[in-house]
């Protein structure tokens, strides 16, 4: 009985080591798919608010749209507020800056998280990330901290 139990423990250990070690698994750069990254994941709310958005793993010259979702799930196309217009280069990478100031000044976006979604030409999601908008400190708050 002790030998059987010891054998089962040994088998369990070997299977666990093989399962967690990644033996016989391959990962190529193309397997990951497009990735969206933010250079500014935390943005203070003011008229000059901007968000740096970058992507990699896209197809060269791939057409896509960028949408933002507020906390209520309302999606808005922000393509007109991006400079330069994002376009994947020969390596599938791109970068742009979103002028978010007009969105926060018109109260389209408030304090809290907003999801940025990159979609294909048919508006199917390709990649996403989250940016967090933080209320700007008032002058009274700054004085109180001192």
N, C-alpha and C. Protein backbone atom coordinates (compact mmCIF):
# COMPACT_ATOMS: atom_id res chain seq x y z
N UNK A 1 0.83 -1.20 0.00
CA UNK A 1 0.00 0.00 0.00
C UNK A 1 0.87 1.26 0.00
N UNK A 2 1.94 1.24 0.81
CA UNK A 2 2.82 2.41 0.88
C UNK A 2 3.52 2.63 -0.46
N UNK A 3 3.89 1.53 -1.15
CA UNK A 3 4.55 1.66 -2.44
C UNK A 3 3.60 2.27 -3.46
N UNK A 4 2.35 1.85 -3.44
CA UNK A 4 1.34 2.37 -4.38
C UNK A 4 1.13 3.87 -4.14
N UNK A 5 1.02 4.26 -2.88
CA UNK A 5 0.83 5.66 -2.55
C UNK A 5 2.05 6.49 -2.99
N UNK A 6 3.25 5.96 -2.73
CA UNK A 6 4.47 6.65 -3.14
C UNK A 6 4.56 6.79 -4.64
N UNK A 7 4.14 5.75 -5.37
CA UNK A 7 4.14 5.79 -6.83
C UNK A 7 3.18 6.86 -7.33
N UNK A 8 1.98 6.94 -6.75
CA UNK A 8 1.00 7.94 -7.16
C UNK A 8 1.51 9.36 -6.89
N UNK A 9 2.16 9.56 -5.78
CA UNK A 9 2.71 10.87 -5.46
C UNK A 9 3.80 11.23 -6.47
N UNK A 10 4.65 10.26 -6.81
CA UNK A 10 5.71 10.51 -7.79
C UNK A 10 5.13 10.85 -9.16
N UNK A 11 4.09 10.12 -9.59
CA UNK A 11 3.45 10.38 -10.88
C UNK A 11 2.81 11.77 -10.86
N UNK A 12 2.12 12.09 -9.79
CA UNK A 12 1.50 13.40 -9.65
C UNK A 12 2.55 14.51 -9.75
N UNK A 13 3.68 14.32 -9.08
CA UNK A 13 4.75 15.30 -9.10
C UNK A 13 5.31 15.48 -10.52
N UNK A 14 5.59 14.38 -11.21
CA UNK A 14 6.15 14.45 -12.56
C UNK A 14 5.17 15.12 -13.51
N UNK A 15 3.89 14.76 -13.45
CA UNK A 15 2.89 15.38 -14.31
C UNK A 15 2.79 16.88 -14.02
N UNK A 16 2.84 17.25 -12.77
CA UNK A 16 2.80 18.67 -12.40
C UNK A 16 3.98 19.44 -12.92
N UNK A 17 5.18 18.85 -12.81
CA UNK A 17 6.38 19.52 -13.29
C UNK A 17 6.30 19.71 -14.80
N UNK A 18 5.89 18.68 -15.53
CA UNK A 18 5.77 18.78 -16.98
C UNK A 18 4.70 19.80 -17.35
N UNK A 19 3.58 19.78 -16.67
CA UNK A 19 2.48 20.70 -16.99
C UNK A 19 2.83 22.15 -16.76
N UNK A 20 3.58 22.44 -15.71
CA UNK A 20 3.91 23.83 -15.39
C UNK A 20 5.22 24.31 -16.01
N UNK A 21 6.01 23.39 -16.53
CA UNK A 21 7.30 23.79 -17.09
C UNK A 21 7.19 24.32 -18.50
N UNK A 22 6.11 24.03 -19.19
CA UNK A 22 5.95 24.51 -20.55
C UNK A 22 6.61 23.61 -21.58
N UNK A 23 6.95 22.39 -21.20
CA UNK A 23 7.54 21.46 -22.15
C UNK A 23 6.54 21.21 -23.27
N UNK A 24 7.03 21.19 -24.49
CA UNK A 24 6.25 20.93 -25.70
C UNK A 24 5.28 22.07 -26.02
N UNK A 25 5.53 23.26 -25.51
CA UNK A 25 4.71 24.40 -25.91
C UNK A 25 5.60 25.38 -26.64
N UNK A 26 5.06 25.97 -27.66
CA UNK A 26 5.80 26.98 -28.40
C UNK A 26 4.98 28.25 -28.43
N UNK A 27 5.66 29.35 -28.43
CA UNK A 27 4.99 30.64 -28.52
C UNK A 27 5.77 31.49 -29.49
N UNK A 28 5.14 31.86 -30.55
CA UNK A 28 5.77 32.73 -31.52
C UNK A 28 5.14 34.10 -31.40
N UNK A 29 5.85 35.10 -31.87
CA UNK A 29 5.35 36.47 -31.75
C UNK A 29 3.99 36.63 -32.40
N UNK A 30 3.72 35.92 -33.47
CA UNK A 30 2.44 36.03 -34.15
C UNK A 30 1.29 35.43 -33.37
N UNK A 31 1.58 34.56 -32.40
CA UNK A 31 0.53 33.91 -31.62
C UNK A 31 -0.12 34.84 -30.62
N UNK A 32 0.58 35.88 -30.22
CA UNK A 32 0.09 36.76 -29.17
C UNK A 32 -1.04 37.64 -29.67
N UNK A 33 -0.94 38.15 -30.87
CA UNK A 33 -1.95 39.05 -31.42
C UNK A 33 -1.64 40.48 -31.06
N UNK A 34 -2.47 41.38 -31.52
CA UNK A 34 -2.23 42.81 -31.27
C UNK A 34 -2.27 43.15 -29.78
N UNK A 35 -1.43 44.09 -29.40
CA UNK A 35 -1.34 44.54 -28.01
C UNK A 35 -1.50 46.06 -28.00
N UNK A 36 -2.26 46.55 -27.05
CA UNK A 36 -2.47 47.99 -26.88
C UNK A 36 -1.82 48.40 -25.57
N UNK A 37 -1.02 49.46 -25.61
CA UNK A 37 -0.36 49.96 -24.40
C UNK A 37 -0.60 51.46 -24.29
N UNK A 38 -0.62 51.94 -23.06
CA UNK A 38 -0.81 53.37 -22.82
C UNK A 38 0.44 53.95 -22.19
N UNK A 39 0.92 55.04 -22.75
CA UNK A 39 2.06 55.73 -22.17
C UNK A 39 1.66 56.56 -20.96
N UNK A 40 0.38 56.85 -20.87
CA UNK A 40 -0.16 57.64 -19.76
C UNK A 40 -1.41 56.95 -19.22
N UNK A 41 -1.26 55.92 -18.36
CA UNK A 41 -2.45 55.20 -17.86
C UNK A 41 -3.24 55.97 -16.80
N UNK A 42 -2.64 57.01 -16.22
CA UNK A 42 -3.32 57.84 -15.22
C UNK A 42 -3.24 59.29 -15.69
N UNK A 43 -4.41 59.87 -15.93
CA UNK A 43 -4.49 61.22 -16.50
C UNK A 43 -5.31 62.12 -15.59
N UNK A 44 -4.77 63.29 -15.28
CA UNK A 44 -5.52 64.27 -14.48
C UNK A 44 -6.50 64.99 -15.40
N UNK A 45 -7.69 65.19 -14.91
CA UNK A 45 -8.73 65.84 -15.69
C UNK A 45 -8.45 67.34 -15.76
N UNK A 46 -8.18 67.81 -16.95
CA UNK A 46 -8.10 69.25 -17.24
C UNK A 46 -8.23 69.44 -18.75
N UNK A 47 -8.28 70.69 -19.17
CA UNK A 47 -8.51 70.99 -20.59
C UNK A 47 -7.36 70.54 -21.49
N UNK A 48 -6.19 70.31 -20.92
CA UNK A 48 -5.04 69.89 -21.71
C UNK A 48 -4.73 68.40 -21.54
N UNK A 49 -5.68 67.63 -21.04
CA UNK A 49 -5.46 66.20 -20.82
C UNK A 49 -5.17 65.49 -22.13
N UNK A 50 -4.16 64.63 -22.12
CA UNK A 50 -3.85 63.85 -23.31
C UNK A 50 -3.40 62.45 -22.88
N UNK A 51 -3.62 61.50 -23.78
CA UNK A 51 -3.28 60.11 -23.51
C UNK A 51 -2.44 59.59 -24.67
N UNK A 52 -1.27 59.06 -24.38
CA UNK A 52 -0.41 58.44 -25.38
C UNK A 52 -0.86 56.99 -25.54
N UNK A 53 -1.19 56.61 -26.78
CA UNK A 53 -1.68 55.27 -27.08
C UNK A 53 -0.73 54.63 -28.09
N UNK A 54 -0.31 53.38 -27.81
CA UNK A 54 0.61 52.67 -28.70
C UNK A 54 0.09 51.26 -28.96
N UNK A 55 0.42 50.74 -30.12
CA UNK A 55 0.02 49.39 -30.46
C UNK A 55 1.13 48.63 -31.13
N UNK A 56 1.12 47.31 -30.95
CA UNK A 56 2.08 46.45 -31.64
C UNK A 56 1.39 45.12 -31.94
N UNK A 57 1.96 44.37 -32.87
CA UNK A 57 1.38 43.09 -33.25
C UNK A 57 0.27 43.21 -34.28
N UNK A 58 0.09 44.39 -34.85
CA UNK A 58 -0.93 44.59 -35.87
C UNK A 58 -0.36 44.20 -37.23
N UNK A 59 -1.22 43.98 -38.19
CA UNK A 59 -0.77 43.68 -39.54
C UNK A 59 -0.28 44.98 -40.18
N UNK A 60 0.79 44.92 -40.99
CA UNK A 60 1.27 46.14 -41.66
C UNK A 60 0.15 46.79 -42.47
N UNK A 61 0.03 48.10 -42.35
CA UNK A 61 -0.98 48.91 -43.04
C UNK A 61 -2.42 48.52 -42.68
N UNK A 62 -2.61 47.86 -41.56
CA UNK A 62 -3.96 47.46 -41.13
C UNK A 62 -4.80 48.69 -40.78
N UNK A 63 -6.04 48.68 -41.25
CA UNK A 63 -6.95 49.77 -40.90
C UNK A 63 -7.68 49.40 -39.61
N UNK A 64 -7.83 50.37 -38.74
CA UNK A 64 -8.53 50.12 -37.48
C UNK A 64 -9.10 51.43 -36.95
N UNK A 65 -9.98 51.30 -35.99
CA UNK A 65 -10.59 52.45 -35.31
C UNK A 65 -10.27 52.36 -33.83
N UNK A 66 -10.30 53.50 -33.16
CA UNK A 66 -10.08 53.52 -31.72
C UNK A 66 -11.31 54.14 -31.07
N UNK A 67 -11.86 53.40 -30.11
CA UNK A 67 -13.05 53.84 -29.39
C UNK A 67 -12.71 53.96 -27.91
N UNK A 68 -13.46 54.79 -27.22
CA UNK A 68 -13.34 54.88 -25.77
C UNK A 68 -14.71 54.59 -25.18
N UNK A 69 -14.72 53.80 -24.09
CA UNK A 69 -15.96 53.49 -23.38
C UNK A 69 -15.91 54.11 -22.00
N UNK A 70 -16.97 54.82 -21.62
CA UNK A 70 -17.00 55.40 -20.29
C UNK A 70 -17.49 54.35 -19.30
N UNK A 71 -17.66 54.74 -18.05
CA UNK A 71 -18.06 53.80 -17.00
C UNK A 71 -19.46 53.23 -17.22
N UNK A 72 -20.28 53.88 -18.05
CA UNK A 72 -21.62 53.39 -18.35
C UNK A 72 -21.65 52.49 -19.58
N UNK A 73 -20.50 52.31 -20.24
CA UNK A 73 -20.42 51.47 -21.43
C UNK A 73 -20.68 52.20 -22.73
N UNK A 74 -20.88 53.50 -22.67
CA UNK A 74 -21.10 54.30 -23.88
C UNK A 74 -19.81 54.40 -24.66
N UNK A 75 -19.82 53.96 -25.94
CA UNK A 75 -18.63 54.00 -26.77
C UNK A 75 -18.65 55.20 -27.70
N UNK A 76 -17.49 55.83 -27.83
CA UNK A 76 -17.33 56.98 -28.70
C UNK A 76 -16.10 56.78 -29.55
N UNK A 77 -16.21 57.05 -30.85
CA UNK A 77 -15.06 56.98 -31.75
C UNK A 77 -14.21 58.23 -31.50
N UNK A 78 -12.93 58.05 -31.22
CA UNK A 78 -12.06 59.19 -30.91
C UNK A 78 -11.06 59.46 -32.03
N UNK A 79 -11.30 58.89 -33.20
CA UNK A 79 -10.38 59.03 -34.33
C UNK A 79 -10.05 60.46 -34.68
N UNK A 80 -11.03 61.36 -34.60
CA UNK A 80 -10.80 62.75 -34.96
C UNK A 80 -9.93 63.49 -33.94
N UNK A 81 -9.78 62.93 -32.75
CA UNK A 81 -9.01 63.59 -31.69
C UNK A 81 -7.63 62.96 -31.52
N UNK A 82 -7.19 62.18 -32.51
CA UNK A 82 -5.89 61.53 -32.45
C UNK A 82 -4.90 62.23 -33.38
N UNK A 83 -3.69 62.45 -32.88
CA UNK A 83 -2.65 63.04 -33.70
C UNK A 83 -1.35 62.31 -33.42
N UNK A 84 -0.66 61.81 -34.40
CA UNK A 84 -1.07 61.66 -35.79
C UNK A 84 -2.11 60.55 -35.93
N UNK A 85 -2.73 60.50 -37.10
CA UNK A 85 -3.69 59.43 -37.36
C UNK A 85 -2.94 58.10 -37.27
N UNK A 86 -3.41 57.19 -36.42
CA UNK A 86 -2.67 55.93 -36.25
C UNK A 86 -2.76 55.02 -37.47
N UNK A 87 -1.61 54.47 -37.84
CA UNK A 87 -1.54 53.52 -38.94
C UNK A 87 -0.37 52.59 -38.66
N UNK A 88 -0.62 51.30 -38.75
CA UNK A 88 0.43 50.32 -38.48
C UNK A 88 1.52 50.40 -39.55
N UNK A 89 2.77 50.44 -39.10
CA UNK A 89 3.89 50.49 -40.04
C UNK A 89 4.23 49.09 -40.54
N UNK A 90 5.35 48.95 -41.21
CA UNK A 90 5.76 47.66 -41.79
C UNK A 90 5.98 46.60 -40.72
N UNK A 91 6.23 47.02 -39.47
CA UNK A 91 6.44 46.08 -38.36
C UNK A 91 5.17 45.85 -37.54
N UNK A 92 4.08 46.51 -37.90
CA UNK A 92 2.82 46.35 -37.18
C UNK A 92 2.72 47.19 -35.92
N UNK A 93 3.55 48.22 -35.81
CA UNK A 93 3.51 49.09 -34.63
C UNK A 93 2.99 50.48 -35.01
N UNK A 94 2.45 51.18 -34.05
CA UNK A 94 1.96 52.54 -34.26
C UNK A 94 1.87 53.25 -32.92
N UNK A 95 1.79 54.57 -32.98
CA UNK A 95 1.64 55.38 -31.77
C UNK A 95 0.89 56.66 -32.14
N UNK A 96 0.12 57.15 -31.18
CA UNK A 96 -0.63 58.38 -31.38
C UNK A 96 -0.90 59.02 -30.03
N UNK A 97 -1.40 60.24 -30.05
CA UNK A 97 -1.78 60.94 -28.83
C UNK A 97 -3.24 61.36 -28.94
N UNK A 98 -4.01 61.03 -27.93
CA UNK A 98 -5.43 61.38 -27.88
C UNK A 98 -5.57 62.67 -27.08
N UNK A 99 -6.13 63.69 -27.72
CA UNK A 99 -6.44 64.95 -27.04
C UNK A 99 -7.75 64.75 -26.29
N UNK A 100 -7.64 64.32 -25.04
CA UNK A 100 -8.81 64.00 -24.24
C UNK A 100 -9.41 65.22 -23.55
N UNK A 101 -8.75 66.36 -23.63
CA UNK A 101 -9.22 67.57 -22.95
C UNK A 101 -10.63 67.96 -23.31
N UNK A 102 -10.97 67.88 -24.58
CA UNK A 102 -12.32 68.26 -25.00
C UNK A 102 -13.38 67.28 -24.49
N UNK A 103 -13.00 66.04 -24.24
CA UNK A 103 -13.94 65.05 -23.71
C UNK A 103 -14.21 65.29 -22.23
N UNK A 104 -13.16 65.65 -21.48
CA UNK A 104 -13.37 65.89 -20.06
C UNK A 104 -13.98 67.26 -19.81
N UNK A 105 -13.65 68.26 -20.65
CA UNK A 105 -14.22 69.59 -20.44
C UNK A 105 -15.72 69.62 -20.77
N UNK A 106 -16.15 68.77 -21.69
CA UNK A 106 -17.58 68.67 -22.01
C UNK A 106 -18.29 67.64 -21.16
N UNK A 107 -17.56 67.09 -20.19
CA UNK A 107 -18.09 66.11 -19.24
C UNK A 107 -18.60 64.84 -19.92
N UNK A 108 -18.02 64.52 -21.09
CA UNK A 108 -18.32 63.24 -21.74
C UNK A 108 -17.64 62.13 -20.94
N UNK A 109 -16.48 62.46 -20.41
CA UNK A 109 -15.73 61.53 -19.57
C UNK A 109 -15.50 62.18 -18.23
N UNK A 110 -15.76 61.43 -17.17
CA UNK A 110 -15.55 61.92 -15.82
C UNK A 110 -14.45 61.15 -15.13
N UNK A 111 -14.28 61.40 -13.86
CA UNK A 111 -13.26 60.70 -13.09
C UNK A 111 -13.58 59.22 -13.04
N UNK A 112 -12.52 58.42 -13.17
CA UNK A 112 -12.68 56.97 -13.12
C UNK A 112 -12.08 56.31 -14.34
N UNK A 113 -12.28 55.00 -14.45
CA UNK A 113 -11.66 54.26 -15.56
C UNK A 113 -12.45 54.40 -16.86
N UNK A 114 -11.71 54.39 -17.97
CA UNK A 114 -12.30 54.38 -19.31
C UNK A 114 -11.55 53.32 -20.11
N UNK A 115 -12.29 52.55 -20.83
CA UNK A 115 -11.70 51.48 -21.64
C UNK A 115 -11.43 52.01 -23.04
N UNK A 116 -10.22 51.82 -23.53
CA UNK A 116 -9.87 52.17 -24.90
C UNK A 116 -9.82 50.88 -25.69
N UNK A 117 -10.57 50.84 -26.79
CA UNK A 117 -10.70 49.63 -27.59
C UNK A 117 -10.28 49.93 -29.02
N UNK A 118 -9.41 49.07 -29.56
CA UNK A 118 -9.04 49.14 -30.97
C UNK A 118 -9.89 48.10 -31.69
N UNK A 119 -10.56 48.52 -32.77
CA UNK A 119 -11.42 47.62 -33.52
C UNK A 119 -10.96 47.54 -34.97
N UNK A 120 -11.36 46.46 -35.64
CA UNK A 120 -11.07 46.35 -37.07
C UNK A 120 -12.07 47.21 -37.84
N UNK A 121 -12.03 47.13 -39.16
CA UNK A 121 -12.90 47.96 -40.00
C UNK A 121 -14.39 47.68 -39.76
N UNK A 122 -14.71 46.47 -39.27
CA UNK A 122 -16.10 46.10 -38.99
C UNK A 122 -16.47 46.32 -37.52
N UNK A 123 -15.63 47.02 -36.79
CA UNK A 123 -15.81 47.33 -35.36
C UNK A 123 -15.81 46.10 -34.47
N UNK A 124 -15.08 45.06 -34.86
CA UNK A 124 -14.84 43.91 -33.99
C UNK A 124 -13.61 44.23 -33.14
N UNK A 125 -13.69 44.04 -31.83
CA UNK A 125 -12.55 44.38 -30.96
C UNK A 125 -11.31 43.58 -31.31
N UNK A 126 -10.17 44.27 -31.34
CA UNK A 126 -8.88 43.64 -31.60
C UNK A 126 -8.03 43.63 -30.33
N UNK A 127 -7.99 44.78 -29.65
CA UNK A 127 -7.19 44.93 -28.44
C UNK A 127 -7.81 46.02 -27.58
N UNK A 128 -7.50 46.00 -26.28
CA UNK A 128 -8.03 47.03 -25.40
C UNK A 128 -7.09 47.27 -24.22
N UNK A 129 -7.30 48.40 -23.57
CA UNK A 129 -6.58 48.76 -22.36
C UNK A 129 -7.45 49.75 -21.58
N UNK A 130 -7.03 50.08 -20.39
CA UNK A 130 -7.82 50.98 -19.54
C UNK A 130 -6.98 52.18 -19.15
N UNK A 131 -7.58 53.36 -19.25
CA UNK A 131 -6.97 54.59 -18.76
C UNK A 131 -7.83 55.09 -17.61
N UNK A 132 -7.19 55.63 -16.60
CA UNK A 132 -7.91 56.12 -15.43
C UNK A 132 -7.80 57.63 -15.37
N UNK A 133 -8.95 58.31 -15.35
CA UNK A 133 -8.98 59.76 -15.24
C UNK A 133 -9.16 60.14 -13.78
N UNK A 134 -8.29 61.02 -13.32
CA UNK A 134 -8.28 61.43 -11.92
C UNK A 134 -8.67 62.90 -11.81
N UNK A 135 -9.51 63.22 -10.84
CA UNK A 135 -9.90 64.61 -10.63
C UNK A 135 -8.67 65.44 -10.30
N UNK A 136 -8.62 66.61 -10.90
CA UNK A 136 -7.52 67.54 -10.60
C UNK A 136 -7.73 68.12 -9.21
N UNK A 137 -6.64 68.36 -8.52
CA UNK A 137 -6.73 68.95 -7.19
C UNK A 137 -7.16 70.40 -7.30
N UNK A 138 -8.05 70.81 -6.41
CA UNK A 138 -8.45 72.21 -6.35
C UNK A 138 -7.42 72.98 -5.56
N UNK A 139 -7.39 74.28 -5.77
CA UNK A 139 -6.40 75.12 -5.06
C UNK A 139 -6.59 75.02 -3.55
N UNK A 140 -7.83 74.88 -3.10
CA UNK A 140 -8.08 74.76 -1.64
C UNK A 140 -7.48 73.45 -1.11
N UNK A 141 -7.55 72.38 -1.92
CA UNK A 141 -7.00 71.08 -1.50
C UNK A 141 -5.48 71.16 -1.37
N UNK A 142 -4.83 71.90 -2.27
CA UNK A 142 -3.38 72.02 -2.22
C UNK A 142 -2.94 72.77 -0.96
N UNK A 143 -3.69 73.83 -0.59
CA UNK A 143 -3.36 74.60 0.59
C UNK A 143 -3.56 73.77 1.85
N UNK A 144 -4.60 72.93 1.86
CA UNK A 144 -4.90 72.10 3.03
C UNK A 144 -3.79 71.08 3.28
N UNK A 145 -3.13 70.60 2.23
CA UNK A 145 -2.07 69.61 2.39
C UNK A 145 -0.81 70.20 2.99
N UNK A 146 -0.62 71.50 2.80
CA UNK A 146 0.59 72.15 3.33
C UNK A 146 0.47 72.36 4.77
